[in-house]
PDB file of N, CA and C in Angstrom:
ATOM      1  N   MET A   1     -99.590  -3.229 -15.312  1.00  0.00           N
ATOM      2  CA  MET A   1     -99.622  -2.953 -13.940  1.00  0.00           C
ATOM      3  C   MET A   1     -98.392  -3.456 -13.350  1.00  0.00           C
ATOM      4  N   LYS A   2     -97.783  -4.494 -13.910  1.00  0.00           N
ATOM      5  CA  LYS A   2     -96.453  -4.971 -13.356  1.00  0.00           C
ATOM      6  C   LYS A   2     -95.449  -3.839 -13.524  1.00  0.00           C
ATOM      7  N   ARG A   3     -95.391  -3.118 -14.581  1.00  0.00           N
ATOM      8  CA  ARG A   3     -94.340  -1.998 -14.798  1.00  0.00           C
ATOM      9  C   ARG A   3     -94.471  -0.993 -13.759  1.00  0.00           C
ATOM     10  N   PHE A   4     -95.726  -0.612 -13.424  1.00  0.00           N
ATOM     11  CA  PHE A   4     -96.065   0.493 -12.397  1.00  0.00           C
ATOM     12  C   PHE A   4     -95.496   0.046 -10.981  1.00  0.00           C
ATOM     13  N   TYR A   5     -95.755  -1.174 -10.752  1.00  0.00           N
ATOM     14  CA  TYR A   5     -95.465  -1.785  -9.531  1.00  0.00           C
ATOM     15  C   TYR A   5     -93.898  -1.664  -9.316  1.00  0.00           C
ATOM     16  N   TYR A   6     -93.143  -2.215 -10.315  1.00  0.00           N
ATOM     17  CA  TYR A   6     -91.739  -2.239 -10.202  1.00  0.00           C
ATOM     18  C   TYR A   6     -91.197  -0.744 -10.063  1.00  0.00           C
ATOM     19  N   ARG A   7     -91.695   0.294 -10.929  1.00  0.00           N
ATOM     20  CA  ARG A   7     -91.327   1.616 -10.767  1.00  0.00           C
ATOM     21  C   ARG A   7     -91.475   2.035  -9.446  1.00  0.00           C
ATOM     22  N   TYR A   8     -92.514   1.860  -8.711  1.00  0.00           N
ATOM     23  CA  TYR A   8     -92.939   2.335  -7.465  1.00  0.00           C
ATOM     24  C   TYR A   8     -92.003   1.613  -6.375  1.00  0.00           C
ATOM     25  N   ARG A   9     -91.651   0.487  -6.699  1.00  0.00           N
ATOM     26  CA  ARG A   9     -90.712  -0.298  -5.704  1.00  0.00           C
ATOM     27  C   ARG A   9     -89.317   0.296  -5.773  1.00  0.00           C
ATOM     28  N   HIS A  10     -88.926   0.660  -6.891  1.00  0.00           N
ATOM     29  CA  HIS A  10     -87.653   1.376  -7.120  1.00  0.00           C
ATOM     30  C   HIS A  10     -87.516   2.750  -6.282  1.00  0.00           C
ATOM     31  N   LYS A  11     -88.602   3.510  -6.404  1.00  0.00           N
ATOM     32  CA  LYS A  11     -88.609   4.801  -5.785  1.00  0.00           C
ATOM     33  C   LYS A  11     -88.512   4.350  -4.422  1.00  0.00           C
ATOM     34  N   TYR A  12     -89.392   3.589  -3.784  1.00  0.00           N
ATOM     35  CA  TYR A  12     -89.473   3.314  -2.384  1.00  0.00           C
ATOM     36  C   TYR A  12     -88.066   2.905  -1.835  1.00  0.00           C
ATOM     37  N   LYS A  13     -87.399   2.049  -2.538  1.00  0.00           N
ATOM     38  CA  LYS A  13     -86.008   1.599  -2.221  1.00  0.00           C
ATOM     39  C   LYS A  13     -85.141   2.786  -2.004  1.00  0.00           C
ATOM     40  N   ILE A  14     -85.100   3.695  -2.998  1.00  0.00           N
ATOM     41  CA  ILE A  14     -84.138   4.752  -2.871  1.00  0.00           C
ATOM     42  C   ILE A  14     -84.464   5.679  -1.752  1.00  0.00           C
ATOM     43  N   LYS A  15     -85.680   5.969  -1.401  1.00  0.00           N
ATOM     44  CA  LYS A  15     -86.206   6.666  -0.254  1.00  0.00           C
ATOM     45  C   LYS A  15     -85.800   6.061   0.967  1.00  0.00           C
ATOM     46  N   LYS A  16     -85.921   4.755   1.052  1.00  0.00           N
ATOM     47  CA  LYS A  16     -85.490   3.979   2.312  1.00  0.00           C
ATOM     48  C   LYS A  16     -84.052   4.051   2.541  1.00  0.00           C
ATOM     49  N   ILE A  17     -83.087   4.065   1.490  1.00  0.00           N
ATOM     50  CA  ILE A  17     -81.787   4.097   1.582  1.00  0.00           C
ATOM     51  C   ILE A  17     -81.296   5.442   2.188  1.00  0.00           C
ATOM     52  N   VAL A  18     -81.989   6.539   1.583  1.00  0.00           N
ATOM     53  CA  VAL A  18     -81.757   7.872   2.046  1.00  0.00           C
ATOM     54  C   VAL A  18     -82.170   8.070   3.616  1.00  0.00           C
ATOM     55  N   GLY A  19     -83.204   7.653   3.663  1.00  0.00           N
ATOM     56  CA  GLY A  19     -83.728   7.669   5.132  1.00  0.00           C
ATOM     57  C   GLY A  19     -82.846   6.902   6.270  1.00  0.00           C
ATOM     58  N   ILE A  20     -82.190   5.798   5.813  1.00  0.00           N
ATOM     59  CA  ILE A  20     -81.337   5.050   6.629  1.00  0.00           C
ATOM     60  C   ILE A  20     -80.054   5.681   6.734  1.00  0.00           C
ATOM     61  N   ALA A  21     -79.627   6.455   5.711  1.00  0.00           N
ATOM     62  CA  ALA A  21     -78.393   7.121   5.846  1.00  0.00           C
ATOM     63  C   ALA A  21     -78.652   8.373   6.626  1.00  0.00           C
ATOM     64  N   LEU A  22     -79.634   9.011   6.601  1.00  0.00           N
ATOM     65  CA  LEU A  22     -79.988  10.146   7.434  1.00  0.00           C
ATOM     66  C   LEU A  22     -80.114   9.770   8.894  1.00  0.00           C
ATOM     67  N   GLY A  23     -80.688   8.660   9.109  1.00  0.00           N
ATOM     68  CA  GLY A  23     -80.716   8.231  10.593  1.00  0.00           C
ATOM     69  C   GLY A  23     -79.457   7.840  11.145  1.00  0.00           C
ATOM     70  N   ILE A  24     -78.533   7.284  10.375  1.00  0.00           N
ATOM     71  CA  ILE A  24     -77.313   6.972  10.872  1.00  0.00           C
ATOM     72  C   ILE A  24     -76.566   8.204  11.214  1.00  0.00           C
ATOM     73  N   ILE A  25     -76.559   9.307  10.215  1.00  0.00           N
ATOM     74  CA  ILE A  25     -75.946  10.581  10.531  1.00  0.00           C
ATOM     75  C   ILE A  25     -76.537  11.358  11.686  1.00  0.00           C
ATOM     76  N   GLY A  26     -77.782  11.104  11.957  1.00  0.00           N
ATOM     77  CA  GLY A  26     -78.344  11.774  13.137  1.00  0.00           C
ATOM     78  C   GLY A  26     -77.867  11.031  14.374  1.00  0.00           C
ATOM     79  N   VAL A  27     -77.728   9.779  14.421  1.00  0.00           N
ATOM     80  CA  VAL A  27     -77.281   9.136  15.558  1.00  0.00           C
ATOM     81  C   VAL A  27     -75.704   9.509  15.869  1.00  0.00           C
ATOM     82  N   LEU A  28     -75.020   9.740  14.796  1.00  0.00           N
ATOM     83  CA  LEU A  28     -73.608  10.041  15.028  1.00  0.00           C
ATOM     84  C   LEU A  28     -73.626  11.534  15.553  1.00  0.00           C
ATOM     85  N   ILE A  29     -74.471  12.447  15.185  1.00  0.00           N
ATOM     86  CA  ILE A  29     -74.502  13.632  15.766  1.00  0.00           C
ATOM     87  C   ILE A  29     -74.886  13.671  17.095  1.00  0.00           C
ATOM     88  N   ILE A  30     -75.775  12.983  17.522  1.00  0.00           N
ATOM     89  CA  ILE A  30     -76.106  12.801  19.080  1.00  0.00           C
ATOM     90  C   ILE A  30     -74.923  12.185  19.712  1.00  0.00           C
ATOM     91  N   ILE A  31     -74.390  11.027  19.349  1.00  0.00           N
ATOM     92  CA  ILE A  31     -73.261  10.493  20.136  1.00  0.00           C
ATOM     93  C   ILE A  31     -71.998  11.327  19.992  1.00  0.00           C
ATOM     94  N   ASN A  32     -71.885  12.066  18.868  1.00  0.00           N
ATOM     95  CA  ASN A  32     -70.746  13.096  18.732  1.00  0.00           C
ATOM     96  C   ASN A  32     -69.407  12.337  18.602  1.00  0.00           C
ATOM     97  N   ILE A  33     -69.450  11.106  17.910  1.00  0.00           N
ATOM     98  CA  ILE A  33     -68.142  10.253  17.566  1.00  0.00           C
ATOM     99  C   ILE A  33     -67.331  11.007  16.586  1.00  0.00           C
ATOM    100  N   ILE A  34     -67.961  11.433  15.491  1.00  0.00           N
ATOM    101  CA  ILE A  34     -67.083  12.053  14.422  1.00  0.00           C
ATOM    102  C   ILE A  34     -66.766  13.502  14.589  1.00  0.00           C
ATOM    103  N   PRO A  35     -65.659  13.872  14.110  1.00  0.00           N
ATOM    104  CA  PRO A  35     -65.122  15.567  14.276  1.00  0.00           C
ATOM    105  C   PRO A  35     -66.198  16.273  13.601  1.00  0.00           C
ATOM    106  N   ILE A  36     -66.229  17.696  13.879  1.00  0.00           N
ATOM    107  CA  ILE A  36     -67.177  18.502  13.330  1.00  0.00           C
ATOM    108  C   ILE A  36     -66.872  18.716  11.835  1.00  0.00           C
ATOM    109  N   GLU A  37     -65.619  18.862  11.382  1.00  0.00           N
ATOM    110  CA  GLU A  37     -65.372  19.255   9.886  1.00  0.00           C
ATOM    111  C   GLU A  37     -65.857  18.051   9.003  1.00  0.00           C
ATOM    112  N   PHE A  38     -65.568  16.844   9.580  1.00  0.00           N
ATOM    113  CA  PHE A  38     -65.975  15.711   8.761  1.00  0.00           C
ATOM    114  C   PHE A  38     -67.511  15.681   8.701  1.00  0.00           C
ATOM    115  N   LEU A  39     -68.272  15.973   9.750  1.00  0.00           N
ATOM    116  CA  LEU A  39     -69.548  16.033   9.912  1.00  0.00           C
ATOM    117  C   LEU A  39     -70.267  17.035   8.889  1.00  0.00           C
ATOM    118  N   LEU A  40     -69.760  18.147   8.792  1.00  0.00           N
ATOM    119  CA  LEU A  40     -70.224  19.296   8.020  1.00  0.00           C
ATOM    120  C   LEU A  40     -70.114  18.770   6.497  1.00  0.00           C
ATOM    121  N   ILE A  41     -68.849  18.004   6.103  1.00  0.00           N
ATOM    122  CA  ILE A  41     -68.738  17.647   4.758  1.00  0.00           C
ATOM    123  C   ILE A  41     -69.718  16.462   4.403  1.00  0.00           C
ATOM    124  N   LEU A  42     -69.998  15.610   5.354  1.00  0.00           N
ATOM    125  CA  LEU A  42     -71.015  14.583   5.103  1.00  0.00           C
ATOM    126  C   LEU A  42     -72.410  15.198   4.870  1.00  0.00           C
ATOM    127  N   ILE A  43     -72.692  16.012   5.853  1.00  0.00           N
ATOM    128  CA  ILE A  43     -74.044  16.754   5.675  1.00  0.00           C
ATOM    129  C   ILE A  43     -74.187  17.374   4.326  1.00  0.00           C
ATOM    130  N   GLY A  44     -73.191  18.192   3.934  1.00  0.00           N
ATOM    131  CA  GLY A  44     -73.211  18.763   2.630  1.00  0.00           C
ATOM    132  C   GLY A  44     -73.461  17.650   1.470  1.00  0.00           C
ATOM    133  N   VAL A  45     -72.653  16.609   1.526  1.00  0.00           N
ATOM    134  CA  VAL A  45     -72.825  15.553   0.549  1.00  0.00           C
ATOM    135  C   VAL A  45     -74.322  14.954   0.486  1.00  0.00           C
ATOM    136  N   VAL A  46     -74.824  14.791   1.834  1.00  0.00           N
ATOM    137  CA  VAL A  46     -76.126  14.129   1.813  1.00  0.00           C
ATOM    138  C   VAL A  46     -77.153  15.156   1.208  1.00  0.00           C
ATOM    139  N   LEU A  47     -77.051  16.461   1.492  1.00  0.00           N
ATOM    140  CA  LEU A  47     -77.978  17.434   0.945  1.00  0.00           C
ATOM    141  C   LEU A  47     -77.825  17.452  -0.593  1.00  0.00           C
ATOM    142  N   ILE A  48     -76.581  17.402  -1.048  1.00  0.00           N
ATOM    143  CA  ILE A  48     -76.504  17.269  -2.465  1.00  0.00           C
ATOM    144  C   ILE A  48     -77.247  16.196  -3.151  1.00  0.00           C
ATOM    145  N   VAL A  49     -76.911  15.024  -2.617  1.00  0.00           N
ATOM    146  CA  VAL A  49     -77.602  13.780  -2.977  1.00  0.00           C
ATOM    147  C   VAL A  49     -79.140  13.872  -2.934  1.00  0.00           C
ATOM    148  N   MET A  50     -79.621  14.403  -1.776  1.00  0.00           N
ATOM    149  CA  MET A  50     -80.960  14.412  -1.685  1.00  0.00           C
ATOM    150  C   MET A  50     -81.739  15.447  -2.743  1.00  0.00           C
ATOM    151  N   GLY A  51     -80.940  16.480  -2.890  1.00  0.00           N
ATOM    152  CA  GLY A  51     -81.409  17.568  -4.064  1.00  0.00           C
ATOM    153  C   GLY A  51     -81.394  16.816  -5.414  1.00  0.00           C
ATOM    154  N   PHE A  52     -80.448  15.932  -5.714  1.00  0.00           N
ATOM    155  CA  PHE A  52     -80.363  15.400  -6.987  1.00  0.00           C
ATOM    156  C   PHE A  52     -81.569  14.417  -7.012  1.00  0.00           C
ATOM    157  N   LEU A  53     -81.794  13.636  -5.899  1.00  0.00           N
ATOM    158  CA  LEU A  53     -82.949  12.669  -5.921  1.00  0.00           C
ATOM    159  C   LEU A  53     -84.238  13.325  -6.114  1.00  0.00           C
ATOM    160  N   ILE A  54     -84.425  14.478  -5.544  1.00  0.00           N
ATOM    161  CA  ILE A  54     -85.733  15.094  -5.612  1.00  0.00           C
ATOM    162  C   ILE A  54     -85.926  15.728  -7.054  1.00  0.00           C
ATOM    163  N   LEU A  55     -84.705  16.213  -7.754  1.00  0.00           N
ATOM    164  CA  LEU A  55     -84.848  16.809  -9.062  1.00  0.00           C
ATOM    165  C   LEU A  55     -85.104  15.552  -9.955  1.00  0.00           C
ATOM    166  N   LYS A  56     -84.461  14.311  -9.728  1.00  0.00           N
ATOM    167  CA  LYS A  56     -84.649  13.154 -10.667  1.00  0.00           C
ATOM    168  C   LYS A  56     -86.143  12.695 -10.618  1.00  0.00           C
ATOM    169  N   THR A  57     -86.791  12.716  -9.557  1.00  0.00           N
ATOM    170  CA  THR A  57     -88.230  12.222  -9.291  1.00  0.00           C
ATOM    171  C   THR A  57     -89.125  13.148  -9.998  1.00  0.00           C
ATOM    172  N   ARG A  58     -88.889  14.385 -10.123  1.00  0.00           N
ATOM    173  CA  ARG A  58     -89.920  15.305 -10.886  1.00  0.00           C
ATOM    174  C   ARG A  58     -89.631  15.340 -12.266  1.00  0.00           C
TER     175      ARG A  58
END
């Protein structure tokens, strides 16, 4: 049971970090602080990382 709990806790932590990162990017889009080119590169990197995490969990 302990092993299952720690495994679940690790997945929750990764999802929480990704959620916080997406929230920060969303706020920056709304405020429009960062230039468009950097924003597109950042969105691309986030999508690649999210895809990797989804493939890793399955």
